[in-house]
């Protein structure tokens, strides 16, 4: 299945958005004045589970953005290389015959 450049760009933006949203949510939850500075004091704590879930979501968003961005960059560079390659040899030279 081929994914277009537009979809790769949207996927990179979506991954960055998920990564940013997880960090923003964590900052709201954990940087409020009424919260203790240690979030995982016990393993049965709901805060510890929330920290784990937000970390996993942020990691998925981060790697989605990185992989989609590198893939998009590779496609753009490939297109530019193909343009330059066809420009180096004019079509009139390729069509003439020396026989």
N, C-alpha and C. Protein backbone atom coordinates (compact mmCIF):
# COMPACT_ATOMS: atom_id res chain seq x y z
N UNK A 1 0.83 -1.17 0.00
CA UNK A 1 0.00 0.00 0.00
C UNK A 1 0.89 1.24 0.00
N UNK A 2 0.63 2.13 -0.94
CA UNK A 2 1.42 3.34 -1.04
C UNK A 2 0.74 4.48 -0.28
N UNK A 3 1.53 5.19 0.51
CA UNK A 3 1.02 6.31 1.29
C UNK A 3 1.54 7.59 0.64
N UNK A 4 0.65 8.54 0.39
CA UNK A 4 1.05 9.77 -0.29
C UNK A 4 1.84 10.68 0.65
N UNK A 5 2.51 11.64 0.05
CA UNK A 5 3.31 12.59 0.83
C UNK A 5 2.43 13.41 1.76
N UNK A 6 1.24 13.76 1.31
CA UNK A 6 0.32 14.54 2.15
C UNK A 6 -0.06 13.74 3.40
N UNK A 7 -0.36 12.46 3.20
CA UNK A 7 -0.72 11.62 4.36
C UNK A 7 0.45 11.42 5.31
N UNK A 8 1.66 11.33 4.76
CA UNK A 8 2.84 11.21 5.63
C UNK A 8 3.04 12.48 6.44
N UNK A 9 2.82 13.61 5.81
CA UNK A 9 2.92 14.88 6.53
C UNK A 9 1.88 14.99 7.62
N UNK A 10 0.66 14.57 7.31
CA UNK A 10 -0.40 14.59 8.32
C UNK A 10 -0.11 13.62 9.45
N UNK A 11 0.46 12.49 9.12
CA UNK A 11 0.82 11.51 10.15
C UNK A 11 1.93 12.05 11.05
N UNK A 12 2.89 12.75 10.47
CA UNK A 12 3.95 13.36 11.27
C UNK A 12 3.38 14.42 12.20
N UNK A 13 2.47 15.25 11.69
CA UNK A 13 1.83 16.27 12.54
C UNK A 13 0.97 15.64 13.63
N UNK A 14 0.27 14.58 13.28
CA UNK A 14 -0.55 13.88 14.28
C UNK A 14 0.32 13.28 15.37
N UNK A 15 1.44 12.67 15.00
CA UNK A 15 2.35 12.10 15.99
C UNK A 15 2.92 13.17 16.91
N UNK A 16 3.31 14.31 16.31
CA UNK A 16 3.81 15.40 17.14
C UNK A 16 2.73 15.93 18.07
N UNK A 17 1.49 16.00 17.56
CA UNK A 17 0.38 16.47 18.39
C UNK A 17 0.11 15.54 19.56
N UNK A 18 0.16 14.25 19.33
CA UNK A 18 -0.04 13.27 20.42
C UNK A 18 1.08 13.40 21.44
N UNK A 19 2.31 13.54 20.96
CA UNK A 19 3.46 13.70 21.85
C UNK A 19 3.31 14.96 22.70
N UNK A 20 2.94 16.07 22.07
CA UNK A 20 2.78 17.33 22.78
C UNK A 20 1.61 17.25 23.77
N UNK A 21 0.50 16.65 23.36
CA UNK A 21 -0.67 16.58 24.22
C UNK A 21 -0.40 15.72 25.47
N UNK A 22 0.36 14.65 25.31
CA UNK A 22 0.69 13.82 26.47
C UNK A 22 1.57 14.59 27.45
N UNK A 23 2.52 15.34 26.94
CA UNK A 23 3.36 16.16 27.81
C UNK A 23 2.58 17.28 28.48
N UNK A 24 1.68 17.89 27.73
CA UNK A 24 0.85 18.97 28.29
C UNK A 24 -0.06 18.43 29.39
N UNK A 25 -0.66 17.27 29.14
CA UNK A 25 -1.53 16.66 30.15
C UNK A 25 -0.74 16.29 31.40
N UNK A 26 0.45 15.75 31.21
CA UNK A 26 1.28 15.40 32.35
C UNK A 26 1.66 16.65 33.15
N UNK A 27 1.96 17.73 32.46
CA UNK A 27 2.33 18.95 33.19
C UNK A 27 1.15 19.51 33.98
N UNK A 28 -0.04 19.39 33.44
CA UNK A 28 -1.23 19.85 34.17
C UNK A 28 -1.46 18.97 35.40
N UNK A 29 -1.31 17.66 35.22
CA UNK A 29 -1.57 16.73 36.34
C UNK A 29 -0.52 16.82 37.44
N UNK A 30 0.74 16.94 37.05
CA UNK A 30 1.80 16.77 38.02
C UNK A 30 2.45 18.06 38.50
N UNK A 31 2.22 19.15 37.82
CA UNK A 31 2.84 20.40 38.24
C UNK A 31 1.88 21.31 38.99
N UNK A 32 0.72 20.80 39.34
CA UNK A 32 -0.20 21.60 40.12
C UNK A 32 0.30 21.69 41.57
N UNK A 33 0.01 22.77 42.26
CA UNK A 33 0.56 22.98 43.61
C UNK A 33 0.11 21.96 44.65
N UNK A 34 -1.05 21.34 44.47
CA UNK A 34 -1.54 20.42 45.49
C UNK A 34 -1.04 18.98 45.31
N UNK A 35 -0.25 18.72 44.30
CA UNK A 35 0.28 17.37 44.07
C UNK A 35 1.65 17.23 44.71
N UNK A 36 1.95 16.04 45.23
CA UNK A 36 3.30 15.80 45.75
C UNK A 36 4.29 15.69 44.58
N UNK A 37 5.54 15.90 44.86
CA UNK A 37 6.54 15.86 43.80
C UNK A 37 6.87 14.43 43.37
N UNK A 38 6.62 13.46 44.20
CA UNK A 38 6.85 12.05 43.85
C UNK A 38 5.53 11.46 43.39
N UNK A 39 5.45 11.04 42.15
CA UNK A 39 4.18 10.55 41.61
C UNK A 39 4.02 9.05 41.77
N UNK A 40 5.10 8.30 41.84
CA UNK A 40 5.00 6.84 41.96
C UNK A 40 5.54 6.39 43.30
N UNK A 41 4.93 6.84 44.39
CA UNK A 41 5.39 6.45 45.72
C UNK A 41 5.10 4.98 46.00
N UNK A 42 4.00 4.47 45.47
CA UNK A 42 3.69 3.04 45.62
C UNK A 42 3.27 2.50 44.25
N UNK A 43 3.43 1.21 44.09
CA UNK A 43 3.10 0.63 42.79
C UNK A 43 1.60 0.52 42.55
N UNK A 44 0.81 0.60 43.59
CA UNK A 44 -0.64 0.52 43.42
C UNK A 44 -1.28 1.89 43.23
N UNK A 45 -0.47 2.91 43.16
CA UNK A 45 -0.98 4.26 43.03
C UNK A 45 -1.60 4.49 41.65
N UNK A 46 -2.72 5.20 41.62
CA UNK A 46 -3.34 5.56 40.35
C UNK A 46 -2.45 6.53 39.58
N UNK A 47 -1.70 7.37 40.29
CA UNK A 47 -0.80 8.30 39.63
C UNK A 47 0.31 7.58 38.90
N UNK A 48 0.76 6.48 39.47
CA UNK A 48 1.83 5.70 38.82
C UNK A 48 1.32 5.10 37.51
N UNK A 49 0.10 4.59 37.53
CA UNK A 49 -0.48 4.04 36.31
C UNK A 49 -0.69 5.13 35.27
N UNK A 50 -1.14 6.30 35.71
CA UNK A 50 -1.34 7.42 34.79
C UNK A 50 -0.02 7.87 34.19
N UNK A 51 1.01 7.90 35.01
CA UNK A 51 2.35 8.26 34.52
C UNK A 51 2.81 7.27 33.46
N UNK A 52 2.61 6.00 33.71
CA UNK A 52 3.01 4.97 32.76
C UNK A 52 2.24 5.11 31.45
N UNK A 53 0.93 5.30 31.53
CA UNK A 53 0.11 5.43 30.33
C UNK A 53 0.50 6.65 29.52
N UNK A 54 0.70 7.78 30.18
CA UNK A 54 1.10 9.00 29.46
C UNK A 54 2.48 8.85 28.84
N UNK A 55 3.37 8.13 29.50
CA UNK A 55 4.71 7.90 28.94
C UNK A 55 4.63 7.03 27.69
N UNK A 56 3.81 6.00 27.72
CA UNK A 56 3.65 5.13 26.55
C UNK A 56 3.01 5.89 25.39
N UNK A 57 1.98 6.68 25.68
CA UNK A 57 1.33 7.47 24.64
C UNK A 57 2.31 8.47 24.03
N UNK A 58 3.10 9.13 24.88
CA UNK A 58 4.08 10.09 24.37
C UNK A 58 5.14 9.39 23.52
N UNK A 59 5.57 8.20 23.91
CA UNK A 59 6.57 7.46 23.13
C UNK A 59 6.01 7.06 21.77
N UNK A 60 4.77 6.61 21.74
CA UNK A 60 4.14 6.24 20.47
C UNK A 60 4.02 7.47 19.56
N UNK A 61 3.57 8.59 20.12
CA UNK A 61 3.46 9.82 19.33
C UNK A 61 4.81 10.30 18.82
N UNK A 62 5.83 10.22 19.68
CA UNK A 62 7.17 10.66 19.29
C UNK A 62 7.70 9.84 18.12
N UNK A 63 7.65 8.52 18.25
CA UNK A 63 8.20 7.66 17.20
C UNK A 63 7.37 7.70 15.93
N UNK A 64 6.06 7.89 16.06
CA UNK A 64 5.23 8.07 14.86
C UNK A 64 5.66 9.31 14.10
N UNK A 65 5.89 10.40 14.83
CA UNK A 65 6.31 11.64 14.19
C UNK A 65 7.69 11.49 13.55
N UNK A 66 8.61 10.84 14.23
CA UNK A 66 9.97 10.67 13.70
C UNK A 66 9.95 9.79 12.45
N UNK A 67 9.29 8.66 12.50
CA UNK A 67 9.27 7.73 11.36
C UNK A 67 8.55 8.35 10.16
N UNK A 68 7.41 8.99 10.40
CA UNK A 68 6.68 9.61 9.29
C UNK A 68 7.47 10.79 8.72
N UNK A 69 8.14 11.56 9.58
CA UNK A 69 8.94 12.68 9.09
C UNK A 69 10.13 12.25 8.26
N UNK A 70 10.82 11.21 8.70
CA UNK A 70 11.97 10.70 7.93
C UNK A 70 11.49 10.11 6.60
N UNK A 71 10.38 9.41 6.63
CA UNK A 71 9.81 8.84 5.41
C UNK A 71 9.40 9.94 4.43
N UNK A 72 8.80 11.00 4.95
CA UNK A 72 8.42 12.13 4.10
C UNK A 72 9.65 12.80 3.51
N UNK A 73 10.67 12.99 4.31
CA UNK A 73 11.91 13.60 3.83
C UNK A 73 12.55 12.74 2.73
N UNK A 74 12.54 11.43 2.91
CA UNK A 74 13.11 10.53 1.90
C UNK A 74 12.33 10.62 0.59
N UNK A 75 11.01 10.71 0.68
CA UNK A 75 10.20 10.81 -0.54
C UNK A 75 10.44 12.14 -1.26
N UNK A 76 10.53 13.21 -0.52
CA UNK A 76 10.77 14.52 -1.13
C UNK A 76 12.14 14.55 -1.79
N UNK A 77 13.15 14.02 -1.12
CA UNK A 77 14.49 13.98 -1.73
C UNK A 77 14.52 13.08 -2.96
N UNK A 78 13.79 11.99 -2.93
CA UNK A 78 13.73 11.11 -4.10
C UNK A 78 13.08 11.82 -5.29
N UNK A 79 12.02 12.56 -5.04
CA UNK A 79 11.37 13.33 -6.12
C UNK A 79 12.31 14.37 -6.69
N UNK A 80 13.02 15.07 -5.83
CA UNK A 80 13.95 16.09 -6.31
C UNK A 80 15.08 15.47 -7.11
N UNK A 81 15.56 14.31 -6.68
CA UNK A 81 16.63 13.63 -7.42
C UNK A 81 16.14 13.21 -8.80
N UNK A 82 14.91 12.71 -8.87
CA UNK A 82 14.35 12.31 -10.16
C UNK A 82 14.19 13.51 -11.09
N UNK A 83 13.77 14.66 -10.55
CA UNK A 83 13.64 15.87 -11.37
C UNK A 83 14.99 16.28 -11.94
N UNK A 84 15.99 16.31 -11.10
CA UNK A 84 17.32 16.73 -11.54
C UNK A 84 17.91 15.73 -12.52
N UNK A 85 17.62 14.45 -12.33
CA UNK A 85 18.16 13.43 -13.22
C UNK A 85 17.58 13.58 -14.62
N UNK A 86 16.31 13.86 -14.72
CA UNK A 86 15.71 14.02 -16.04
C UNK A 86 16.11 15.35 -16.66
N UNK A 87 16.46 16.34 -15.87
CA UNK A 87 16.87 17.63 -16.41
C UNK A 87 18.30 17.59 -16.95
N UNK A 88 19.12 16.66 -16.44
CA UNK A 88 20.50 16.60 -16.89
C UNK A 88 20.62 16.17 -18.34
N UNK A 89 19.73 15.31 -18.81
CA UNK A 89 19.76 14.85 -20.20
C UNK A 89 18.47 15.34 -20.86
N UNK A 90 18.55 16.31 -21.76
CA UNK A 90 17.35 16.83 -22.41
C UNK A 90 16.66 15.75 -23.25
N UNK A 91 15.36 15.86 -23.38
CA UNK A 91 14.57 14.88 -24.13
C UNK A 91 14.97 14.86 -25.60
N UNK A 92 15.39 16.00 -26.15
CA UNK A 92 15.78 16.03 -27.57
C UNK A 92 17.02 15.17 -27.83
N UNK A 93 17.91 15.10 -26.89
CA UNK A 93 19.11 14.27 -27.04
C UNK A 93 18.75 12.80 -27.00
N UNK A 94 17.80 12.46 -26.13
CA UNK A 94 17.41 11.05 -26.00
C UNK A 94 16.63 10.55 -27.21
N UNK A 95 15.93 11.44 -27.90
CA UNK A 95 15.09 11.03 -29.02
C UNK A 95 15.87 10.93 -30.34
N UNK A 96 17.00 11.57 -30.47
CA UNK A 96 17.77 11.52 -31.71
C UNK A 96 18.46 10.18 -31.85
N UNK A 97 18.56 9.72 -33.06
CA UNK A 97 19.17 8.43 -33.33
C UNK A 97 20.45 8.65 -34.13
N UNK A 98 21.47 7.87 -33.86
CA UNK A 98 22.76 8.01 -34.56
C UNK A 98 22.94 6.94 -35.62
N UNK A 99 21.92 6.15 -35.91
CA UNK A 99 22.06 5.07 -36.89
C UNK A 99 22.03 5.60 -38.29
